[in-house]
Amino acid sequence: MVTILVVDDNEKLRSIFRLILKEYETIEAKNGLEAVELYKKYSPDIVLMDILMPEMDGIEATKEIIKINSNAKIAAITAYSSKSKEILEAGAQEVLKKPIRKNILIEKIKEYVNHL
């Protein structure tokens, strides 16, 4: 089964992603620090990464995950397009805009799954 790590400091958003992605195994992290630890422990197939979070932001977490696995599949999801260039340079494959529509999120996940 495909495992997706959902990283966002907003608990409601994480639960919405969990519902949308119910056909996949999901792991949740509330900040970048947690995301890196969970990535080490579970080696998820796909990471959905928020950018602005406490403790460690998505840019730093992406850099750390890429150090662990240079082929990690990371999609940033953010409302702050000003940080898009930074997270792409850190190693994310793409930046998806919040709010993201359910059908677009599912399509993107299927694209990643097809390339695993």
PDB file of N, CA and C in Angstrom:
ATOM      1  N   MET A   1       0.832  -1.191   0.000  1.00  0.00           N
ATOM      2  CA  MET A   1       0.000   0.000   0.000  1.00  0.00           C
ATOM      3  C   MET A   1       0.876   1.254   0.000  1.00  0.00           C
ATOM      4  N   VAL A   2       0.409   2.266  -0.704  1.00  0.00           N
ATOM      5  CA  VAL A   2       1.123   3.540  -0.790  1.00  0.00           C
ATOM      6  C   VAL A   2       0.940   4.313   0.514  1.00  0.00           C
ATOM      7  N   THR A   3       2.044   4.842   1.026  1.00  0.00           N
ATOM      8  CA  THR A   3       2.008   5.622   2.264  1.00  0.00           C
ATOM      9  C   THR A   3       2.284   7.089   1.952  1.00  0.00           C
ATOM     10  N   ILE A   4       1.452   7.964   2.507  1.00  0.00           N
ATOM     11  CA  ILE A   4       1.579   9.406   2.302  1.00  0.00           C
ATOM     12  C   ILE A   4       1.777  10.084   3.647  1.00  0.00           C
ATOM     13  N   LEU A   5       2.824  10.881   3.739  1.00  0.00           N
ATOM     14  CA  LEU A   5       3.076  11.687   4.934  1.00  0.00           C
ATOM     15  C   LEU A   5       2.478  13.065   4.695  1.00  0.00           C
ATOM     16  N   VAL A   6       1.497  13.432   5.513  1.00  0.00           N
ATOM     17  CA  VAL A   6       0.838  14.732   5.423  1.00  0.00           C
ATOM     18  C   VAL A   6       1.413  15.618   6.525  1.00  0.00           C
ATOM     19  N   VAL A   7       2.035  16.726   6.120  1.00  0.00           N
ATOM     20  CA  VAL A   7       2.702  17.609   7.075  1.00  0.00           C
ATOM     21  C   VAL A   7       2.032  18.979   7.038  1.00  0.00           C
ATOM     22  N   ASP A   8       1.353  19.332   8.122  1.00  0.00           N
ATOM     23  CA  ASP A   8       0.687  20.637   8.218  1.00  0.00           C
ATOM     24  C   ASP A   8       0.418  20.925   9.686  1.00  0.00           C
ATOM     25  N   ASP A   9       0.611  22.170  10.096  1.00  0.00           N
ATOM     26  CA  ASP A   9       0.361  22.523  11.495  1.00  0.00           C
ATOM     27  C   ASP A   9      -1.119  22.690  11.795  1.00  0.00           C
ATOM     28  N   ASN A  10      -1.972  22.695  10.769  1.00  0.00           N
ATOM     29  CA  ASN A  10      -3.412  22.839  10.947  1.00  0.00           C
ATOM     30  C   ASN A  10      -4.050  21.444  11.048  1.00  0.00           C
ATOM     31  N   GLU A  11      -4.512  21.121  12.264  1.00  0.00           N
ATOM     32  CA  GLU A  11      -5.078  19.794  12.512  1.00  0.00           C
ATOM     33  C   GLU A  11      -6.302  19.515  11.647  1.00  0.00           C
ATOM     34  N   LYS A  12      -7.159  20.520  11.456  1.00  0.00           N
ATOM     35  CA  LYS A  12      -8.361  20.335  10.628  1.00  0.00           C
ATOM     36  C   LYS A  12      -7.984  19.993   9.192  1.00  0.00           C
ATOM     37  N   LEU A  13      -6.990  20.678   8.680  1.00  0.00           N
ATOM     38  CA  LEU A  13      -6.528  20.413   7.313  1.00  0.00           C
ATOM     39  C   LEU A  13      -5.966  18.999   7.191  1.00  0.00           C
ATOM     40  N   ARG A  14      -5.198  18.566   8.185  1.00  0.00           N
ATOM     41  CA  ARG A  14      -4.673  17.195   8.164  1.00  0.00           C
ATOM     42  C   ARG A  14      -5.812  16.182   8.144  1.00  0.00           C
ATOM     43  N   SER A  15      -6.853  16.431   8.917  1.00  0.00           N
ATOM     44  CA  SER A  15      -7.971  15.477   8.950  1.00  0.00           C
ATOM     45  C   SER A  15      -8.738  15.489   7.621  1.00  0.00           C
ATOM     46  N   ILE A  16      -8.828  16.643   6.965  1.00  0.00           N
ATOM     47  CA  ILE A  16      -9.464  16.714   5.641  1.00  0.00           C
ATOM     48  C   ILE A  16      -8.640  15.916   4.634  1.00  0.00           C
ATOM     49  N   PHE A  17      -7.317  16.106   4.655  1.00  0.00           N
ATOM     50  CA  PHE A  17      -6.452  15.336   3.757  1.00  0.00           C
ATOM     51  C   PHE A  17      -6.601  13.842   4.025  1.00  0.00           C
ATOM     52  N   ARG A  18      -6.682  13.461   5.292  1.00  0.00           N
ATOM     53  CA  ARG A  18      -6.830  12.049   5.657  1.00  0.00           C
ATOM     54  C   ARG A  18      -8.112  11.479   5.049  1.00  0.00           C
ATOM     55  N   LEU A  19      -9.204  12.245   5.101  1.00  0.00           N
ATOM     56  CA  LEU A  19     -10.470  11.797   4.508  1.00  0.00           C
ATOM     57  C   LEU A  19     -10.374  11.692   2.989  1.00  0.00           C
ATOM     58  N   ILE A  20      -9.797  12.708   2.358  1.00  0.00           N
ATOM     59  CA  ILE A  20      -9.662  12.714   0.895  1.00  0.00           C
ATOM     60  C   ILE A  20      -8.792  11.544   0.432  1.00  0.00           C
ATOM     61  N   LEU A  21      -7.758  11.249   1.200  1.00  0.00           N
ATOM     62  CA  LEU A  21      -6.780  10.223   0.816  1.00  0.00           C
ATOM     63  C   LEU A  21      -7.032   8.893   1.510  1.00  0.00           C
ATOM     64  N   LYS A  22      -8.297   8.607   1.834  1.00  0.00           N
ATOM     65  CA  LYS A  22      -8.632   7.426   2.633  1.00  0.00           C
ATOM     66  C   LYS A  22      -8.238   6.097   1.984  1.00  0.00           C
ATOM     67  N   GLU A  23      -8.049   6.081   0.673  1.00  0.00           N
ATOM     68  CA  GLU A  23      -7.649   4.822   0.036  1.00  0.00           C
ATOM     69  C   GLU A  23      -6.142   4.555   0.176  1.00  0.00           C
ATOM     70  N   TYR A  24      -5.440   5.499   0.775  1.00  0.00           N
ATOM     71  CA  TYR A  24      -4.006   5.351   1.009  1.00  0.00           C
ATOM     72  C   TYR A  24      -3.736   5.313   2.513  1.00  0.00           C
ATOM     73  N   GLU A  25      -2.579   4.796   2.873  1.00  0.00           N
ATOM     74  CA  GLU A  25      -2.166   4.855   4.270  1.00  0.00           C
ATOM     75  C   GLU A  25      -1.582   6.254   4.493  1.00  0.00           C
ATOM     76  N   THR A  26      -2.078   6.971   5.496  1.00  0.00           N
ATOM     77  CA  THR A  26      -1.555   8.307   5.768  1.00  0.00           C
ATOM     78  C   THR A  26      -0.920   8.368   7.146  1.00  0.00           C
ATOM     79  N   ILE A  27       0.146   9.145   7.213  1.00  0.00           N
ATOM     80  CA  ILE A  27       0.846   9.439   8.460  1.00  0.00           C
ATOM     81  C   ILE A  27       0.812  10.958   8.555  1.00  0.00           C
ATOM     82  N   GLU A  28       0.653  11.489   9.764  1.00  0.00           N
ATOM     83  CA  GLU A  28       0.541  12.938   9.914  1.00  0.00           C
ATOM     84  C   GLU A  28       1.613  13.511  10.824  1.00  0.00           C
ATOM     85  N   ALA A  29       2.106  14.681  10.418  1.00  0.00           N
ATOM     86  CA  ALA A  29       3.061  15.424  11.236  1.00  0.00           C
ATOM     87  C   ALA A  29       2.573  16.860  11.346  1.00  0.00           C
ATOM     88  N   LYS A  30       2.761  17.464  12.533  1.00  0.00           N
ATOM     89  CA  LYS A  30       2.276  18.828  12.742  1.00  0.00           C
ATOM     90  C   LYS A  30       3.347  19.892  12.530  1.00  0.00           C
ATOM     91  N   ASN A  31       4.586  19.449  12.260  1.00  0.00           N
ATOM     92  CA  ASN A  31       5.662  20.397  11.965  1.00  0.00           C
ATOM     93  C   ASN A  31       6.790  19.664  11.230  1.00  0.00           C
ATOM     94  N   GLY A  32       7.746  20.420  10.762  1.00  0.00           N
ATOM     95  CA  GLY A  32       8.831  19.846   9.990  1.00  0.00           C
ATOM     96  C   GLY A  32       9.709  18.882  10.762  1.00  0.00           C
ATOM     97  N   LEU A  33       9.916  19.174  12.043  1.00  0.00           N
ATOM     98  CA  LEU A  33      10.736  18.307  12.889  1.00  0.00           C
ATOM     99  C   LEU A  33      10.122  16.906  12.971  1.00  0.00           C
ATOM    100  N   GLU A  34       8.811  16.891  13.235  1.00  0.00           N
ATOM    101  CA  GLU A  34       8.081  15.624  13.296  1.00  0.00           C
ATOM    102  C   GLU A  34       8.129  14.917  11.941  1.00  0.00           C
ATOM    103  N   ALA A  35       8.002  15.695  10.869  1.00  0.00           N
ATOM    104  CA  ALA A  35       8.000  15.136   9.518  1.00  0.00           C
ATOM    105  C   ALA A  35       9.296  14.379   9.230  1.00  0.00           C
ATOM    106  N   VAL A  36      10.415  14.968   9.599  1.00  0.00           N
ATOM    107  CA  VAL A  36      11.715  14.337   9.355  1.00  0.00           C
ATOM    108  C   VAL A  36      11.819  13.032  10.144  1.00  0.00           C
ATOM    109  N   GLU A  37      11.391  13.055  11.410  1.00  0.00           N
ATOM    110  CA  GLU A  37      11.446  11.846  12.237  1.00  0.00           C
ATOM    111  C   GLU A  37      10.551  10.749  11.660  1.00  0.00           C
ATOM    112  N   LEU A  38       9.343  11.124  11.236  1.00  0.00           N
ATOM    113  CA  LEU A  38       8.420  10.134  10.670  1.00  0.00           C
ATOM    114  C   LEU A  38       8.922   9.621   9.324  1.00  0.00           C
ATOM    115  N   TYR A  39       9.569  10.489   8.563  1.00  0.00           N
ATOM    116  CA  TYR A  39      10.135  10.047   7.285  1.00  0.00           C
ATOM    117  C   TYR A  39      11.214   8.987   7.535  1.00  0.00           C
ATOM    118  N   LYS A  40      12.069   9.230   8.514  1.00  0.00           N
ATOM    119  CA  LYS A  40      13.123   8.264   8.856  1.00  0.00           C
ATOM    120  C   LYS A  40      12.515   6.924   9.276  1.00  0.00           C
ATOM    121  N   LYS A  41      11.450   6.996  10.050  1.00  0.00           N
ATOM    122  CA  LYS A  41      10.839   5.790  10.616  1.00  0.00           C
ATOM    123  C   LYS A  41      10.043   4.993   9.580  1.00  0.00           C
ATOM    124  N   TYR A  42       9.264   5.678   8.726  1.00  0.00           N
ATOM    125  CA  TYR A  42       8.327   4.985   7.841  1.00  0.00           C
ATOM    126  C   TYR A  42       8.685   4.995   6.355  1.00  0.00           C
ATOM    127  N   SER A  43       9.603   5.835   5.917  1.00  0.00           N
ATOM    128  CA  SER A  43       9.944   5.975   4.489  1.00  0.00           C
ATOM    129  C   SER A  43       8.707   6.043   3.601  1.00  0.00           C
ATOM    130  N   PRO A  44       7.843   7.041   3.816  1.00  0.00           N
ATOM    131  CA  PRO A  44       6.619   7.129   3.015  1.00  0.00           C
ATOM    132  C   PRO A  44       6.936   7.336   1.531  1.00  0.00           C
ATOM    133  N   ASP A  45       5.988   6.961   0.686  1.00  0.00           N
ATOM    134  CA  ASP A  45       6.157   7.073  -0.760  1.00  0.00           C
ATOM    135  C   ASP A  45       6.032   8.514  -1.242  1.00  0.00           C
ATOM    136  N   ILE A  46       5.160   9.274  -0.577  1.00  0.00           N
ATOM    137  CA  ILE A  46       4.854  10.650  -0.995  1.00  0.00           C
ATOM    138  C   ILE A  46       4.760  11.523   0.256  1.00  0.00           C
ATOM    139  N   VAL A  47       5.230  12.764   0.139  1.00  0.00           N
ATOM    140  CA  VAL A  47       5.109  13.730   1.236  1.00  0.00           C
ATOM    141  C   VAL A  47       4.345  14.944   0.730  1.00  0.00           C
ATOM    142  N   LEU A  48       3.299  15.324   1.455  1.00  0.00           N
ATOM    143  CA  LEU A  48       2.582  16.577   1.205  1.00  0.00           C
ATOM    144  C   LEU A  48       3.045  17.541   2.288  1.00  0.00           C
ATOM    145  N   MET A  49       3.767  18.576   1.906  1.00  0.00           N
ATOM    146  CA  MET A  49       4.477  19.430   2.860  1.00  0.00           C
ATOM    147  C   MET A  49       3.960  20.860   2.865  1.00  0.00           C
ATOM    148  N   ASP A  50       3.461  21.291   4.011  1.00  0.00           N
ATOM    149  CA  ASP A  50       3.142  22.708   4.203  1.00  0.00           C
ATOM    150  C   ASP A  50       4.475  23.454   4.310  1.00  0.00           C
ATOM    151  N   ILE A  51       4.466  24.759   4.069  1.00  0.00           N
ATOM    152  CA  ILE A  51       5.726  25.505   4.155  1.00  0.00           C
ATOM    153  C   ILE A  51       5.880  26.210   5.499  1.00  0.00           C
ATOM    154  N   LEU A  52       4.893  27.005   5.881  1.00  0.00           N
ATOM    155  CA  LEU A  52       5.017  27.768   7.122  1.00  0.00           C
ATOM    156  C   LEU A  52       4.469  26.968   8.305  1.00  0.00           C
ATOM    157  N   MET A  53       5.387  26.535   9.180  1.00  0.00           N
ATOM    158  CA  MET A  53       5.020  25.758  10.369  1.00  0.00           C
ATOM    159  C   MET A  53       5.967  26.096  11.500  1.00  0.00           C
ATOM    160  N   PRO A  54       5.542  25.841  12.745  1.00  0.00           N
ATOM    161  CA  PRO A  54       6.433  26.077  13.889  1.00  0.00           C
ATOM    162  C   PRO A  54       7.519  25.006  13.972  1.00  0.00           C
ATOM    163  N   GLU A  55       8.510  25.260  14.786  1.00  0.00           N
ATOM    164  CA  GLU A  55       9.622  24.361  15.100  1.00  0.00           C
ATOM    165  C   GLU A  55      10.598  24.154  13.950  1.00  0.00           C
ATOM    166  N   MET A  56      10.107  23.701  12.806  1.00  0.00           N
ATOM    167  CA  MET A  56      10.923  23.593  11.590  1.00  0.00           C
ATOM    168  C   MET A  56       9.973  23.777  10.420  1.00  0.00           C
ATOM    169  N   ASP A  57      10.286  24.738   9.543  1.00  0.00           N
ATOM    170  CA  ASP A  57       9.376  24.974   8.420  1.00  0.00           C
ATOM    171  C   ASP A  57       9.542  23.904   7.340  1.00  0.00           C
ATOM    172  N   GLY A  58       8.660  23.950   6.357  1.00  0.00           N
ATOM    173  CA  GLY A  58       8.656  22.956   5.296  1.00  0.00           C
ATOM    174  C   GLY A  58       9.894  22.989   4.426  1.00  0.00           C
ATOM    175  N   ILE A  59      10.506  24.151   4.292  1.00  0.00           N
ATOM    176  CA  ILE A  59      11.718  24.264   3.477  1.00  0.00           C
ATOM    177  C   ILE A  59      12.863  23.491   4.126  1.00  0.00           C
ATOM    178  N   GLU A  60      13.067  23.717   5.424  1.00  0.00           N
ATOM    179  CA  GLU A  60      14.128  22.999   6.141  1.00  0.00           C
ATOM    180  C   GLU A  60      13.831  21.499   6.207  1.00  0.00           C
ATOM    181  N   ALA A  61      12.564  21.157   6.444  1.00  0.00           N
ATOM    182  CA  ALA A  61      12.189  19.739   6.516  1.00  0.00           C
ATOM    183  C   ALA A  61      12.425  19.056   5.172  1.00  0.00           C
ATOM    184  N   THR A  62      12.116  19.748   4.086  1.00  0.00           N
ATOM    185  CA  THR A  62      12.352  19.193   2.755  1.00  0.00           C
ATOM    186  C   THR A  62      13.836  18.939   2.534  1.00  0.00           C
ATOM    187  N   LYS A  63      14.667  19.905   2.926  1.00  0.00           N
ATOM    188  CA  LYS A  63      16.121  19.722   2.802  1.00  0.00           C
ATOM    189  C   LYS A  63      16.588  18.494   3.574  1.00  0.00           C
ATOM    190  N   GLU A  64      16.075  18.319   4.791  1.00  0.00           N
ATOM    191  CA  GLU A  64      16.481  17.180   5.630  1.00  0.00           C
ATOM    192  C   GLU A  64      16.014  15.853   5.030  1.00  0.00           C
ATOM    193  N   ILE A  65      14.798  15.827   4.499  1.00  0.00           N
ATOM    194  CA  ILE A  65      14.265  14.601   3.893  1.00  0.00           C
ATOM    195  C   ILE A  65      15.062  14.251   2.637  1.00  0.00           C
ATOM    196  N   ILE A  66      15.421  15.245   1.850  1.00  0.00           N
ATOM    197  CA  ILE A  66      16.216  15.012   0.636  1.00  0.00           C
ATOM    198  C   ILE A  66      17.603  14.460   1.005  1.00  0.00           C
ATOM    199  N   LYS A  67      18.138  14.869   2.163  1.00  0.00           N
ATOM    200  CA  LYS A  67      19.413  14.296   2.625  1.00  0.00           C
ATOM    201  C   LYS A  67      19.260  12.800   2.916  1.00  0.00           C
ATOM    202  N   ILE A  68      18.093  12.423   3.429  1.00  0.00           N
ATOM    203  CA  ILE A  68      17.814  11.020   3.754  1.00  0.00           C
ATOM    204  C   ILE A  68      17.582  10.221   2.472  1.00  0.00           C
ATOM    205  N   ASN A  69      16.809  10.805   1.549  1.00  0.00           N
ATOM    206  CA  ASN A  69      16.468  10.129   0.291  1.00  0.00           C
ATOM    207  C   ASN A  69      16.389  11.177  -0.820  1.00  0.00           C
ATOM    208  N   SER A  70      17.408  11.205  -1.658  1.00  0.00           N
ATOM    209  CA  SER A  70      17.464  12.217  -2.718  1.00  0.00           C
ATOM    210  C   SER A  70      16.349  12.059  -3.747  1.00  0.00           C
ATOM    211  N   ASN A  71      15.672  10.906  -3.743  1.00  0.00           N
ATOM    212  CA  ASN A  71      14.561  10.671  -4.672  1.00  0.00           C
ATOM    213  C   ASN A  71      13.193  10.832  -4.018  1.00  0.00           C
ATOM    214  N   ALA A  72      13.136  11.414  -2.832  1.00  0.00           N
ATOM    215  CA  ALA A  72      11.860  11.585  -2.124  1.00  0.00           C
ATOM    216  C   ALA A  72      10.877  12.373  -2.987  1.00  0.00           C
ATOM    217  N   LYS A  73       9.632  11.940  -2.972  1.00  0.00           N
ATOM    218  CA  LYS A  73       8.565  12.611  -3.718  1.00  0.00           C
ATOM    219  C   LYS A  73       7.871  13.579  -2.764  1.00  0.00           C
ATOM    220  N   ILE A  74       8.158  14.861  -2.922  1.00  0.00           N
ATOM    221  CA  ILE A  74       7.623  15.881  -2.022  1.00  0.00           C
ATOM    222  C   ILE A  74       6.854  16.917  -2.826  1.00  0.00           C
ATOM    223  N   ALA A  75       5.601  17.109  -2.455  1.00  0.00           N
ATOM    224  CA  ALA A  75       4.784  18.167  -3.054  1.00  0.00           C
ATOM    225  C   ALA A  75       4.466  19.169  -1.951  1.00  0.00           C
ATOM    226  N   ALA A  76       4.842  20.409  -2.171  1.00  0.00           N
ATOM    227  CA  ALA A  76       4.531  21.451  -1.195  1.00  0.00           C
ATOM    228  C   ALA A  76       3.090  21.898  -1.416  1.00  0.00           C
ATOM    229  N   ILE A  77       2.397  22.155  -0.322  1.00  0.00           N
ATOM    230  CA  ILE A  77       1.039  22.681  -0.401  1.00  0.00           C
ATOM    231  C   ILE A  77       1.011  23.927   0.477  1.00  0.00           C
ATOM    232  N   THR A  78       0.765  25.077  -0.153  1.00  0.00           N
ATOM    233  CA  THR A  78       0.857  26.329   0.597  1.00  0.00           C
ATOM    234  C   THR A  78      -0.051  27.407   0.042  1.00  0.00           C
ATOM    235  N   ALA A  79      -0.380  28.345   0.885  1.00  0.00           N
ATOM    236  CA  ALA A  79      -1.113  29.537   0.461  1.00  0.00           C
ATOM    237  C   ALA A  79      -0.135  30.669   0.170  1.00  0.00           C
ATOM    238  N   TYR A  80       1.143  30.439   0.477  1.00  0.00           N
ATOM    239  CA  TYR A  80       2.166  31.481   0.350  1.00  0.00           C
ATOM    240  C   TYR A  80       3.065  31.227  -0.847  1.00  0.00           C
ATOM    241  N   SER A  81       2.666  31.736  -1.992  1.00  0.00           N
ATOM    242  CA  SER A  81       3.428  31.483  -3.208  1.00  0.00           C
ATOM    243  C   SER A  81       4.797  32.157  -3.182  1.00  0.00           C
ATOM    244  N   SER A  82       5.000  33.115  -2.281  1.00  0.00           N
ATOM    245  CA  SER A  82       6.295  33.789  -2.188  1.00  0.00           C
ATOM    246  C   SER A  82       7.414  32.831  -1.784  1.00  0.00           C
ATOM    247  N   LYS A  83       7.064  31.710  -1.179  1.00  0.00           N
ATOM    248  CA  LYS A  83       8.059  30.724  -0.734  1.00  0.00           C
ATOM    249  C   LYS A  83       8.241  29.584  -1.734  1.00  0.00           C
ATOM    250  N   SER A  84       7.518  29.622  -2.842  1.00  0.00           N
ATOM    251  CA  SER A  84       7.544  28.524  -3.818  1.00  0.00           C
ATOM    252  C   SER A  84       8.943  28.230  -4.334  1.00  0.00           C
ATOM    253  N   LYS A  85       9.670  29.257  -4.722  1.00  0.00           N
ATOM    254  CA  LYS A  85      11.006  29.059  -5.285  1.00  0.00           C
ATOM    255  C   LYS A  85      11.927  28.376  -4.271  1.00  0.00           C
ATOM    256  N   GLU A  86      11.840  28.818  -3.017  1.00  0.00           N
ATOM    257  CA  GLU A  86      12.710  28.247  -1.978  1.00  0.00           C
ATOM    258  C   GLU A  86      12.470  26.762  -1.756  1.00  0.00           C
ATOM    259  N   ILE A  87      11.201  26.363  -1.715  1.00  0.00           N
ATOM    260  CA  ILE A  87      10.933  24.940  -1.440  1.00  0.00           C
ATOM    261  C   ILE A  87      11.257  24.083  -2.656  1.00  0.00           C
ATOM    262  N   LEU A  88      11.104  24.623  -3.852  1.00  0.00           N
ATOM    263  CA  LEU A  88      11.506  23.884  -5.052  1.00  0.00           C
ATOM    264  C   LEU A  88      13.023  23.694  -5.067  1.00  0.00           C
ATOM    265  N   GLU A  89      13.744  24.740  -4.689  1.00  0.00           N
ATOM    266  CA  GLU A  89      15.208  24.643  -4.608  1.00  0.00           C
ATOM    267  C   GLU A  89      15.647  23.656  -3.520  1.00  0.00           C
ATOM    268  N   ALA A  90      14.824  23.520  -2.483  1.00  0.00           N
ATOM    269  CA  ALA A  90      15.129  22.588  -1.385  1.00  0.00           C
ATOM    270  C   ALA A  90      14.926  21.131  -1.809  1.00  0.00           C
ATOM    271  N   GLY A  91      14.134  20.913  -2.875  1.00  0.00           N
ATOM    272  CA  GLY A  91      13.958  19.543  -3.353  1.00  0.00           C
ATOM    273  C   GLY A  91      12.540  19.096  -3.627  1.00  0.00           C
ATOM    274  N   ALA A  92      11.548  19.952  -3.374  1.00  0.00           N
ATOM    275  CA  ALA A  92      10.164  19.573  -3.674  1.00  0.00           C
ATOM    276  C   ALA A  92       9.978  19.496  -5.193  1.00  0.00           C
ATOM    277  N   GLN A  93       9.113  18.593  -5.641  1.00  0.00           N
ATOM    278  CA  GLN A  93       8.857  18.441  -7.073  1.00  0.00           C
ATOM    279  C   GLN A  93       7.948  19.539  -7.619  1.00  0.00           C
ATOM    280  N   GLU A  94       7.018  19.991  -6.773  1.00  0.00           N
ATOM    281  CA  GLU A  94       6.070  21.007  -7.225  1.00  0.00           C
ATOM    282  C   GLU A  94       5.426  21.691  -6.030  1.00  0.00           C
ATOM    283  N   VAL A  95       4.740  22.797  -6.328  1.00  0.00           N
ATOM    284  CA  VAL A  95       4.020  23.544  -5.301  1.00  0.00           C
ATOM    285  C   VAL A  95       2.550  23.585  -5.703  1.00  0.00           C
ATOM    286  N   LEU A  96       1.705  23.118  -4.810  1.00  0.00           N
ATOM    287  CA  LEU A  96       0.260  23.146  -5.018  1.00  0.00           C
ATOM    288  C   LEU A  96      -0.322  24.248  -4.141  1.00  0.00           C
ATOM    289  N   LYS A  97      -1.272  24.973  -4.675  1.00  0.00           N
ATOM    290  CA  LYS A  97      -1.851  26.117  -3.959  1.00  0.00           C
ATOM    291  C   LYS A  97      -2.978  25.697  -3.026  1.00  0.00           C
ATOM    292  N   LYS A  98      -2.963  26.269  -1.817  1.00  0.00           N
ATOM    293  CA  LYS A  98      -4.089  26.147  -0.883  1.00  0.00           C
ATOM    294  C   LYS A  98      -5.041  27.291  -1.188  1.00  0.00           C
ATOM    295  N   PRO A  99      -6.324  27.094  -1.098  1.00  0.00           N
ATOM    296  CA  PRO A  99      -6.974  25.799  -0.854  1.00  0.00           C
ATOM    297  C   PRO A  99      -6.914  24.940  -2.114  1.00  0.00           C
ATOM    298  N   ILE A 100      -6.676  23.658  -1.915  1.00  0.00           N
ATOM    299  CA  ILE A 100      -6.578  22.742  -3.056  1.00  0.00           C
ATOM    300  C   ILE A 100      -7.874  21.958  -3.173  1.00  0.00           C
ATOM    301  N   ARG A 101      -8.346  21.809  -4.388  1.00  0.00           N
ATOM    302  CA  ARG A 101      -9.587  21.072  -4.601  1.00  0.00           C
ATOM    303  C   ARG A 101      -9.321  19.578  -4.517  1.00  0.00           C
ATOM    304  N   LYS A 102     -10.317  18.891  -3.994  1.00  0.00           N
ATOM    305  CA  LYS A 102     -10.223  17.447  -3.762  1.00  0.00           C
ATOM    306  C   LYS A 102      -9.796  16.706  -5.030  1.00  0.00           C
ATOM    307  N   ASN A 103     -10.452  16.993  -6.150  1.00  0.00           N
ATOM    308  CA  ASN A 103     -10.150  16.257  -7.382  1.00  0.00           C
ATOM    309  C   ASN A 103      -8.717  16.517  -7.865  1.00  0.00           C
ATOM    310  N   ILE A 104      -8.223  17.730  -7.673  1.00  0.00           N
ATOM    311  CA  ILE A 104      -6.848  18.051  -8.076  1.00  0.00           C
ATOM    312  C   ILE A 104      -5.859  17.300  -7.191  1.00  0.00           C
ATOM    313  N   LEU A 105      -6.114  17.277  -5.887  1.00  0.00           N
ATOM    314  CA  LEU A 105      -5.232  16.555  -4.968  1.00  0.00           C
ATOM    315  C   LEU A 105      -5.183  15.070  -5.324  1.00  0.00           C
ATOM    316  N   ILE A 106      -6.333  14.479  -5.560  1.00  0.00           N
ATOM    317  CA  ILE A 106      -6.389  13.051  -5.909  1.00  0.00           C
ATOM    318  C   ILE A 106      -5.646  12.789  -7.221  1.00  0.00           C
ATOM    319  N   GLU A 107      -5.835  13.656  -8.215  1.00  0.00           N
ATOM    320  CA  GLU A 107      -5.120  13.518  -9.495  1.00  0.00           C
ATOM    321  C   GLU A 107      -3.608  13.562  -9.293  1.00  0.00           C
ATOM    322  N   LYS A 108      -3.149  14.535  -8.496  1.00  0.00           N
ATOM    323  CA  LYS A 108      -1.709  14.682  -8.247  1.00  0.00           C
ATOM    324  C   LYS A 108      -1.146  13.444  -7.552  1.00  0.00           C
ATOM    325  N   ILE A 109      -1.862  12.938  -6.559  1.00  0.00           N
ATOM    326  CA  ILE A 109      -1.405  11.746  -5.838  1.00  0.00           C
ATOM    327  C   ILE A 109      -1.318  10.568  -6.803  1.00  0.00           C
ATOM    328  N   LYS A 110      -2.307  10.416  -7.677  1.00  0.00           N
ATOM    329  CA  LYS A 110      -2.287   9.316  -8.651  1.00  0.00           C
ATOM    330  C   LYS A 110      -1.096   9.443  -9.593  1.00  0.00           C
ATOM    331  N   GLU A 111      -0.750  10.672  -9.990  1.00  0.00           N
ATOM    332  CA  GLU A 111       0.430  10.900 -10.838  1.00  0.00           C
ATOM    333  C   GLU A 111       1.685  10.393 -10.129  1.00  0.00           C
ATOM    334  N   TYR A 112       1.823  10.757  -8.840  1.00  0.00           N
ATOM    335  CA  TYR A 112       2.988  10.306  -8.075  1.00  0.00           C
ATOM    336  C   TYR A 112       3.000   8.781  -7.945  1.00  0.00           C
ATOM    337  N   VAL A 113       1.836   8.202  -7.647  1.00  0.00           N
ATOM    338  CA  VAL A 113       1.743   6.751  -7.478  1.00  0.00           C
ATOM    339  C   VAL A 113       2.151   6.036  -8.771  1.00  0.00           C
ATOM    340  N   ASN A 114       1.756   6.588  -9.918  1.00  0.00           N
ATOM    341  CA  ASN A 114       2.096   5.970 -11.199  1.00  0.00           C
ATOM    342  C   ASN A 114       3.596   6.005 -11.489  1.00  0.00           C
ATOM    343  N   HIS A 115       4.327   6.868 -10.792  1.00  0.00           N
ATOM    344  CA  HIS A 115       5.774   6.963 -11.003  1.00  0.00           C
ATOM    345  C   HIS A 115       6.587   6.316  -9.892  1.00  0.00           C
ATOM    346  N   LEU A 116       5.929   5.555  -9.031  1.00  0.00           N
ATOM    347  CA  LEU A 116       6.663   4.879  -7.953  1.00  0.00           C
ATOM    348  C   LEU A 116       7.317   3.608  -8.480  1.00  0.00           C
TER     349      LEU A 116
END
